[in-house]
Amino acid sequence: MHIKLFFSPHCTVCSQALQTLRREPFSTKLEWQNILDNIDEAVACGIRTPPALVVDGRLLEQGAGVPSRLRQLLAMPDTDHPA
């Protein structure tokens, strides 16, 4: 599973999502993308509001639900890289 988290530096919910990433151990491939630096990619993914989660190239969640969805994803076993 490949996760991209698009965030804005001035977004409170984005900060919560980033804190979740810093606290949780994870074994998936993960990228953090500043939405302002990657606006073309964000638009191509259909992102309208940060934070946004793109998983394996598909927009999964955006806005206030991202921190809880991210915790769910990080709790799932990574089937691409079994232990």
PDB file of N, CA and C in Angstrom:
ATOM      1  N   MET A   1       0.850  -1.175   0.000  1.00  0.00           N
ATOM      2  CA  MET A   1       0.000   0.000   0.000  1.00  0.00           C
ATOM      3  C   MET A   1       0.893   1.234   0.000  1.00  0.00           C
ATOM      4  N   HIS A   2       0.590   2.170  -0.870  1.00  0.00           N
ATOM      5  CA  HIS A   2       1.335   3.420  -0.965  1.00  0.00           C
ATOM      6  C   HIS A   2       0.399   4.566  -0.586  1.00  0.00           C
ATOM      7  N   ILE A   3       0.742   5.292   0.466  1.00  0.00           N
ATOM      8  CA  ILE A   3      -0.097   6.375   0.986  1.00  0.00           C
ATOM      9  C   ILE A   3       0.602   7.709   0.760  1.00  0.00           C
ATOM     10  N   LYS A   4      -0.157   8.663   0.212  1.00  0.00           N
ATOM     11  CA  LYS A   4       0.309  10.051   0.137  1.00  0.00           C
ATOM     12  C   LYS A   4      -0.634  10.887   0.979  1.00  0.00           C
ATOM     13  N   LEU A   5      -0.067  11.676   1.851  1.00  0.00           N
ATOM     14  CA  LEU A   5      -0.831  12.622   2.655  1.00  0.00           C
ATOM     15  C   LEU A   5      -0.525  14.018   2.128  1.00  0.00           C
ATOM     16  N   PHE A   6      -1.524  14.658   1.540  1.00  0.00           N
ATOM     17  CA  PHE A   6      -1.388  16.041   1.105  1.00  0.00           C
ATOM     18  C   PHE A   6      -1.831  16.928   2.257  1.00  0.00           C
ATOM     19  N   PHE A   7      -0.998  17.900   2.605  1.00  0.00           N
ATOM     20  CA  PHE A   7      -1.297  18.765   3.750  1.00  0.00           C
ATOM     21  C   PHE A   7      -1.004  20.211   3.401  1.00  0.00           C
ATOM     22  N   SER A   8      -1.542  21.102   4.223  1.00  0.00           N
ATOM     23  CA  SER A   8      -1.238  22.525   4.137  1.00  0.00           C
ATOM     24  C   SER A   8      -0.573  22.918   5.448  1.00  0.00           C
ATOM     25  N   PRO A   9       0.478  23.711   5.388  1.00  0.00           N
ATOM     26  CA  PRO A   9       1.191  24.068   6.618  1.00  0.00           C
ATOM     27  C   PRO A   9       0.351  24.858   7.635  1.00  0.00           C
ATOM     28  N   HIS A  10      -0.727  25.483   7.198  1.00  0.00           N
ATOM     29  CA  HIS A  10      -1.518  26.328   8.096  1.00  0.00           C
ATOM     30  C   HIS A  10      -2.867  25.709   8.443  1.00  0.00           C
ATOM     31  N   CYS A  11      -2.981  24.394   8.327  1.00  0.00           N
ATOM     32  CA  CYS A  11      -4.245  23.689   8.513  1.00  0.00           C
ATOM     33  C   CYS A  11      -4.192  22.880   9.816  1.00  0.00           C
ATOM     34  N   THR A  12      -5.129  23.126  10.730  1.00  0.00           N
ATOM     35  CA  THR A  12      -5.160  22.446  12.026  1.00  0.00           C
ATOM     36  C   THR A  12      -5.392  20.948  11.863  1.00  0.00           C
ATOM     37  N   VAL A  13      -6.324  20.563  11.008  1.00  0.00           N
ATOM     38  CA  VAL A  13      -6.599  19.139  10.797  1.00  0.00           C
ATOM     39  C   VAL A  13      -5.382  18.458  10.166  1.00  0.00           C
ATOM     40  N   CYS A  14      -4.680  19.175   9.294  1.00  0.00           N
ATOM     41  CA  CYS A  14      -3.453  18.636   8.695  1.00  0.00           C
ATOM     42  C   CYS A  14      -2.415  18.359   9.781  1.00  0.00           C
ATOM     43  N   SER A  15      -2.300  19.266  10.729  1.00  0.00           N
ATOM     44  CA  SER A  15      -1.359  19.080  11.835  1.00  0.00           C
ATOM     45  C   SER A  15      -1.701  17.830  12.635  1.00  0.00           C
ATOM     46  N   GLN A  16      -3.003  17.580  12.856  1.00  0.00           N
ATOM     47  CA  GLN A  16      -3.423  16.372  13.569  1.00  0.00           C
ATOM     48  C   GLN A  16      -3.019  15.119  12.788  1.00  0.00           C
ATOM     49  N   ALA A  17      -3.202  15.148  11.479  1.00  0.00           N
ATOM     50  CA  ALA A  17      -2.830  13.996  10.649  1.00  0.00           C
ATOM     51  C   ALA A  17      -1.320  13.760  10.698  1.00  0.00           C
ATOM     52  N   LEU A  18      -0.552  14.824  10.623  1.00  0.00           N
ATOM     53  CA  LEU A  18       0.910  14.686  10.694  1.00  0.00           C
ATOM     54  C   LEU A  18       1.343  14.160  12.061  1.00  0.00           C
ATOM     55  N   GLN A  19       0.685  14.608  13.144  1.00  0.00           N
ATOM     56  CA  GLN A  19       1.012  14.098  14.477  1.00  0.00           C
ATOM     57  C   GLN A  19       0.712  12.604  14.568  1.00  0.00           C
ATOM     58  N   THR A  20      -0.372  12.168  13.951  1.00  0.00           N
ATOM     59  CA  THR A  20      -0.707  10.743  13.923  1.00  0.00           C
ATOM     60  C   THR A  20       0.425   9.964  13.265  1.00  0.00           C
ATOM     61  N   LEU A  21       0.933  10.476  12.180  1.00  0.00           N
ATOM     62  CA  LEU A  21       2.025   9.797  11.477  1.00  0.00           C
ATOM     63  C   LEU A  21       3.283   9.731  12.325  1.00  0.00           C
ATOM     64  N   ARG A  22       3.545  10.761  13.072  1.00  0.00           N
ATOM     65  CA  ARG A  22       4.761  10.784  13.895  1.00  0.00           C
ATOM     66  C   ARG A  22       4.664   9.834  15.085  1.00  0.00           C
ATOM     67  N   ARG A  23       3.434   9.565  15.559  1.00  0.00           N
ATOM     68  CA  ARG A  23       3.239   8.694  16.727  1.00  0.00           C
ATOM     69  C   ARG A  23       3.123   7.230  16.361  1.00  0.00           C
ATOM     70  N   GLU A  24       2.566   6.926  15.201  1.00  0.00           N
ATOM     71  CA  GLU A  24       2.233   5.553  14.842  1.00  0.00           C
ATOM     72  C   GLU A  24       3.363   4.892  14.061  1.00  0.00           C
ATOM     73  N   PRO A  25       3.735   3.680  14.438  1.00  0.00           N
ATOM     74  CA  PRO A  25       4.666   2.940  13.586  1.00  0.00           C
ATOM     75  C   PRO A  25       3.910   2.459  12.353  1.00  0.00           C
ATOM     76  N   PHE A  26       4.557   2.438  11.230  1.00  0.00           N
ATOM     77  CA  PHE A  26       3.889   1.960  10.031  1.00  0.00           C
ATOM     78  C   PHE A  26       4.898   1.269   9.127  1.00  0.00           C
ATOM     79  N   SER A  27       4.380   0.338   8.330  1.00  0.00           N
ATOM     80  CA  SER A  27       5.253  -0.413   7.440  1.00  0.00           C
ATOM     81  C   SER A  27       4.914  -0.158   5.981  1.00  0.00           C
ATOM     82  N   THR A  28       4.003   0.769   5.725  1.00  0.00           N
ATOM     83  CA  THR A  28       3.614   1.058   4.352  1.00  0.00           C
ATOM     84  C   THR A  28       4.503   2.149   3.777  1.00  0.00           C
ATOM     85  N   LYS A  29       4.496   2.249   2.474  1.00  0.00           N
ATOM     86  CA  LYS A  29       5.206   3.348   1.819  1.00  0.00           C
ATOM     87  C   LYS A  29       4.354   4.604   1.994  1.00  0.00           C
ATOM     88  N   LEU A  30       4.968   5.644   2.514  1.00  0.00           N
ATOM     89  CA  LEU A  30       4.228   6.852   2.842  1.00  0.00           C
ATOM     90  C   LEU A  30       4.985   8.078   2.382  1.00  0.00           C
ATOM     91  N   GLU A  31       4.257   9.021   1.802  1.00  0.00           N
ATOM     92  CA  GLU A  31       4.831  10.308   1.413  1.00  0.00           C
ATOM     93  C   GLU A  31       3.988  11.420   2.011  1.00  0.00           C
ATOM     94  N   TRP A  32       4.630  12.477   2.425  1.00  0.00           N
ATOM     95  CA  TRP A  32       3.939  13.681   2.863  1.00  0.00           C
ATOM     96  C   TRP A  32       4.172  14.712   1.770  1.00  0.00           C
ATOM     97  N   GLN A  33       3.105  15.340   1.304  1.00  0.00           N
ATOM     98  CA  GLN A  33       3.209  16.307   0.216  1.00  0.00           C
ATOM     99  C   GLN A  33       2.555  17.611   0.642  1.00  0.00           C
ATOM    100  N   ASN A  34       3.327  18.686   0.620  1.00  0.00           N
ATOM    101  CA  ASN A  34       2.749  20.006   0.847  1.00  0.00           C
ATOM    102  C   ASN A  34       1.885  20.323  -0.367  1.00  0.00           C
ATOM    103  N   ILE A  35       0.599  20.515  -0.162  1.00  0.00           N
ATOM    104  CA  ILE A  35      -0.325  20.719  -1.280  1.00  0.00           C
ATOM    105  C   ILE A  35       0.030  21.965  -2.082  1.00  0.00           C
ATOM    106  N   LEU A  36       0.602  22.968  -1.434  1.00  0.00           N
ATOM    107  CA  LEU A  36       0.971  24.196  -2.132  1.00  0.00           C
ATOM    108  C   LEU A  36       2.151  23.977  -3.072  1.00  0.00           C
ATOM    109  N   ASP A  37       3.018  23.039  -2.741  1.00  0.00           N
ATOM    110  CA  ASP A  37       4.170  22.727  -3.587  1.00  0.00           C
ATOM    111  C   ASP A  37       3.830  21.703  -4.671  1.00  0.00           C
ATOM    112  N   ASN A  38       2.697  21.029  -4.529  1.00  0.00           N
ATOM    113  CA  ASN A  38       2.312  19.957  -5.452  1.00  0.00           C
ATOM    114  C   ASN A  38       0.878  20.135  -5.932  1.00  0.00           C
ATOM    115  N   ILE A  39       0.518  21.384  -6.263  1.00  0.00           N
ATOM    116  CA  ILE A  39      -0.868  21.701  -6.593  1.00  0.00           C
ATOM    117  C   ILE A  39      -1.346  20.972  -7.846  1.00  0.00           C
ATOM    118  N   ASP A  40      -0.490  20.805  -8.849  1.00  0.00           N
ATOM    119  CA  ASP A  40      -0.912  20.117 -10.076  1.00  0.00           C
ATOM    120  C   ASP A  40      -1.280  18.665  -9.798  1.00  0.00           C
ATOM    121  N   GLU A  41      -0.476  17.991  -9.000  1.00  0.00           N
ATOM    122  CA  GLU A  41      -0.779  16.599  -8.639  1.00  0.00           C
ATOM    123  C   GLU A  41      -2.045  16.517  -7.796  1.00  0.00           C
ATOM    124  N   ALA A  42      -2.203  17.455  -6.874  1.00  0.00           N
ATOM    125  CA  ALA A  42      -3.404  17.467  -6.028  1.00  0.00           C
ATOM    126  C   ALA A  42      -4.662  17.645  -6.874  1.00  0.00           C
ATOM    127  N   VAL A  43      -4.627  18.556  -7.825  1.00  0.00           N
ATOM    128  CA  VAL A  43      -5.776  18.777  -8.704  1.00  0.00           C
ATOM    129  C   VAL A  43      -6.049  17.534  -9.537  1.00  0.00           C
ATOM    130  N   ALA A  44      -4.992  16.906 -10.049  1.00  0.00           N
ATOM    131  CA  ALA A  44      -5.149  15.693 -10.855  1.00  0.00           C
ATOM    132  C   ALA A  44      -5.787  14.559 -10.045  1.00  0.00           C
ATOM    133  N   CYS A  45      -5.545  14.531  -8.737  1.00  0.00           N
ATOM    134  CA  CYS A  45      -6.126  13.503  -7.866  1.00  0.00           C
ATOM    135  C   CYS A  45      -7.558  13.840  -7.459  1.00  0.00           C
ATOM    136  N   GLY A  46      -8.008  15.065  -7.731  1.00  0.00           N
ATOM    137  CA  GLY A  46      -9.355  15.471  -7.353  1.00  0.00           C
ATOM    138  C   GLY A  46      -9.453  16.068  -5.964  1.00  0.00           C
ATOM    139  N   ILE A  47      -8.336  16.449  -5.393  1.00  0.00           N
ATOM    140  CA  ILE A  47      -8.321  17.013  -4.037  1.00  0.00           C
ATOM    141  C   ILE A  47      -8.876  18.429  -4.078  1.00  0.00           C
ATOM    142  N   ARG A  48      -9.836  18.676  -3.182  1.00  0.00           N
ATOM    143  CA  ARG A  48     -10.439  20.008  -3.079  1.00  0.00           C
ATOM    144  C   ARG A  48     -10.141  20.674  -1.754  1.00  0.00           C
ATOM    145  N   THR A  49      -9.782  19.871  -0.740  1.00  0.00           N
ATOM    146  CA  THR A  49      -9.493  20.450   0.578  1.00  0.00           C
ATOM    147  C   THR A  49      -8.479  19.571   1.311  1.00  0.00           C
ATOM    148  N   PRO A  50      -7.477  20.194   1.939  1.00  0.00           N
ATOM    149  CA  PRO A  50      -6.537  19.403   2.723  1.00  0.00           C
ATOM    150  C   PRO A  50      -7.080  19.171   4.130  1.00  0.00           C
ATOM    151  N   PRO A  51      -6.559  18.225   4.841  1.00  0.00           N
ATOM    152  CA  PRO A  51      -5.637  17.218   4.340  1.00  0.00           C
ATOM    153  C   PRO A  51      -6.377  16.227   3.442  1.00  0.00           C
ATOM    154  N   ALA A  52      -5.599  15.496   2.668  1.00  0.00           N
ATOM    155  CA  ALA A  52      -6.186  14.503   1.772  1.00  0.00           C
ATOM    156  C   ALA A  52      -5.295  13.269   1.743  1.00  0.00           C
ATOM    157  N   LEU A  53      -5.943  12.116   1.703  1.00  0.00           N
ATOM    158  CA  LEU A  53      -5.237  10.841   1.623  1.00  0.00           C
ATOM    159  C   LEU A  53      -5.428  10.246   0.236  1.00  0.00           C
ATOM    160  N   VAL A  54      -4.332   9.951  -0.417  1.00  0.00           N
ATOM    161  CA  VAL A  54      -4.359   9.248  -1.690  1.00  0.00           C
ATOM    162  C   VAL A  54      -3.688   7.906  -1.442  1.00  0.00           C
ATOM    163  N   VAL A  55      -4.403   6.828  -1.687  1.00  0.00           N
ATOM    164  CA  VAL A  55      -3.895   5.486  -1.420  1.00  0.00           C
ATOM    165  C   VAL A  55      -3.845   4.727  -2.736  1.00  0.00           C
ATOM    166  N   ASP A  56      -2.652   4.268  -3.069  1.00  0.00           N
ATOM    167  CA  ASP A  56      -2.437   3.535  -4.315  1.00  0.00           C
ATOM    168  C   ASP A  56      -3.013   4.287  -5.506  1.00  0.00           C
ATOM    169  N   GLY A  57      -2.816   5.615  -5.514  1.00  0.00           N
ATOM    170  CA  GLY A  57      -3.222   6.442  -6.638  1.00  0.00           C
ATOM    171  C   GLY A  57      -4.676   6.894  -6.637  1.00  0.00           C
ATOM    172  N   ARG A  58      -5.458   6.499  -5.636  1.00  0.00           N
ATOM    173  CA  ARG A  58      -6.879   6.883  -5.566  1.00  0.00           C
ATOM    174  C   ARG A  58      -7.129   7.768  -4.359  1.00  0.00           C
ATOM    175  N   LEU A  59      -7.897   8.840  -4.571  1.00  0.00           N
ATOM    176  CA  LEU A  59      -8.277   9.710  -3.468  1.00  0.00           C
ATOM    177  C   LEU A  59      -9.209   8.939  -2.543  1.00  0.00           C
ATOM    178  N   LEU A  60      -8.800   8.781  -1.294  1.00  0.00           N
ATOM    179  CA  LEU A  60      -9.572   7.996  -0.343  1.00  0.00           C
ATOM    180  C   LEU A  60     -10.395   8.873   0.600  1.00  0.00           C
ATOM    181  N   GLU A  61      -9.808   9.957   1.053  1.00  0.00           N
ATOM    182  CA  GLU A  61     -10.472  10.798   2.069  1.00  0.00           C
ATOM    183  C   GLU A  61      -9.850  12.179   2.003  1.00  0.00           C
ATOM    184  N   GLN A  62     -10.667  13.192   2.314  1.00  0.00           N
ATOM    185  CA  GLN A  62     -10.140  14.548   2.437  1.00  0.00           C
ATOM    186  C   GLN A  62     -10.921  15.302   3.493  1.00  0.00           C
ATOM    187  N   GLY A  63     -10.266  16.275   4.101  1.00  0.00           N
ATOM    188  CA  GLY A  63     -10.918  17.079   5.125  1.00  0.00           C
ATOM    189  C   GLY A  63     -10.790  16.499   6.519  1.00  0.00           C
ATOM    190  N   ALA A  64     -11.788  16.802   7.351  1.00  0.00           N
ATOM    191  CA  ALA A  64     -11.721  16.492   8.789  1.00  0.00           C
ATOM    192  C   ALA A  64     -11.640  14.997   9.096  1.00  0.00           C
ATOM    193  N   GLY A  65     -12.061  14.115   8.189  1.00  0.00           N
ATOM    194  CA  GLY A  65     -12.026  12.677   8.450  1.00  0.00           C
ATOM    195  C   GLY A  65     -10.679  12.027   8.248  1.00  0.00           C
ATOM    196  N   VAL A  66      -9.705  12.774   7.755  1.00  0.00           N
ATOM    197  CA  VAL A  66      -8.403  12.185   7.428  1.00  0.00           C
ATOM    198  C   VAL A  66      -7.667  11.609   8.639  1.00  0.00           C
ATOM    199  N   PRO A  67      -7.553  12.312   9.770  1.00  0.00           N
ATOM    200  CA  PRO A  67      -6.798  11.714  10.883  1.00  0.00           C
ATOM    201  C   PRO A  67      -7.333  10.348  11.327  1.00  0.00           C
ATOM    202  N   SER A  68      -8.660  10.199  11.451  1.00  0.00           N
ATOM    203  CA  SER A  68      -9.193   8.905  11.880  1.00  0.00           C
ATOM    204  C   SER A  68      -9.025   7.853  10.793  1.00  0.00           C
ATOM    205  N   ARG A  69      -9.211   8.221   9.530  1.00  0.00           N
ATOM    206  CA  ARG A  69      -9.010   7.257   8.439  1.00  0.00           C
ATOM    207  C   ARG A  69      -7.543   6.834   8.368  1.00  0.00           C
ATOM    208  N   LEU A  70      -6.649   7.752   8.622  1.00  0.00           N
ATOM    209  CA  LEU A  70      -5.218   7.439   8.619  1.00  0.00           C
ATOM    210  C   LEU A  70      -4.884   6.452   9.725  1.00  0.00           C
ATOM    211  N   ARG A  71      -5.467   6.646  10.919  1.00  0.00           N
ATOM    212  CA  ARG A  71      -5.240   5.690  12.007  1.00  0.00           C
ATOM    213  C   ARG A  71      -5.751   4.303  11.616  1.00  0.00           C
ATOM    214  N   GLN A  72      -6.892   4.235  10.939  1.00  0.00           N
ATOM    215  CA  GLN A  72      -7.419   2.948  10.470  1.00  0.00           C
ATOM    216  C   GLN A  72      -6.463   2.298   9.478  1.00  0.00           C
ATOM    217  N   LEU A  73      -5.966   3.074   8.542  1.00  0.00           N
ATOM    218  CA  LEU A  73      -5.052   2.527   7.538  1.00  0.00           C
ATOM    219  C   LEU A  73      -3.760   2.010   8.169  1.00  0.00           C
ATOM    220  N   LEU A  74      -3.237   2.756   9.128  1.00  0.00           N
ATOM    221  CA  LEU A  74      -1.976   2.359   9.751  1.00  0.00           C
ATOM    222  C   LEU A  74      -2.151   1.122  10.626  1.00  0.00           C
ATOM    223  N   ALA A  75      -3.373   0.866  11.075  1.00  0.00           N
ATOM    224  CA  ALA A  75      -3.638  -0.321  11.883  1.00  0.00           C
ATOM    225  C   ALA A  75      -3.805  -1.574  11.028  1.00  0.00           C
ATOM    226  N   MET A  76      -4.042  -1.398   9.725  1.00  0.00           N
ATOM    227  CA  MET A  76      -4.235  -2.538   8.820  1.00  0.00           C
ATOM    228  C   MET A  76      -2.894  -3.171   8.465  1.00  0.00           C
ATOM    229  N   PRO A  77      -2.852  -4.494   8.317  1.00  0.00           N
ATOM    230  CA  PRO A  77      -1.610  -5.109   7.888  1.00  0.00           C
ATOM    231  C   PRO A  77      -1.324  -4.722   6.441  1.00  0.00           C
ATOM    232  N   ASP A  78      -0.058  -4.571   6.137  1.00  0.00           N
ATOM    233  CA  ASP A  78       0.368  -4.222   4.789  1.00  0.00           C
ATOM    234  C   ASP A  78       0.504  -5.526   3.991  1.00  0.00           C
ATOM    235  N   THR A  79      -0.428  -5.797   3.116  1.00  0.00           N
ATOM    236  CA  THR A  79      -0.427  -7.046   2.371  1.00  0.00           C
ATOM    237  C   THR A  79       0.657  -7.092   1.307  1.00  0.00           C
ATOM    238  N   ASP A  80       1.199  -5.924   0.941  1.00  0.00           N
ATOM    239  CA  ASP A  80       2.291  -5.901  -0.034  1.00  0.00           C
ATOM    240  C   ASP A  80       3.614  -6.366   0.573  1.00  0.00           C
ATOM    241  N   HIS A  81       3.711  -6.217   1.898  1.00  0.00           N
ATOM    242  CA  HIS A  81       4.962  -6.542   2.599  1.00  0.00           C
ATOM    243  C   HIS A  81       4.640  -7.354   3.853  1.00  0.00           C
ATOM    244  N   PRO A  82       4.262  -8.618   3.709  1.00  0.00           N
ATOM    245  CA  PRO A  82       3.913  -9.398   4.902  1.00  0.00           C
ATOM    246  C   PRO A  82       5.094  -9.549   5.851  1.00  0.00           C
ATOM    247  N   ALA A  83       4.778  -9.650   7.120  1.00  0.00           N
ATOM    248  CA  ALA A  83       5.834  -9.753   8.156  1.00  0.00           C
ATOM    249  C   ALA A  83       6.501 -11.106   8.117  1.00  0.00           C
TER     250      ALA A  83
END
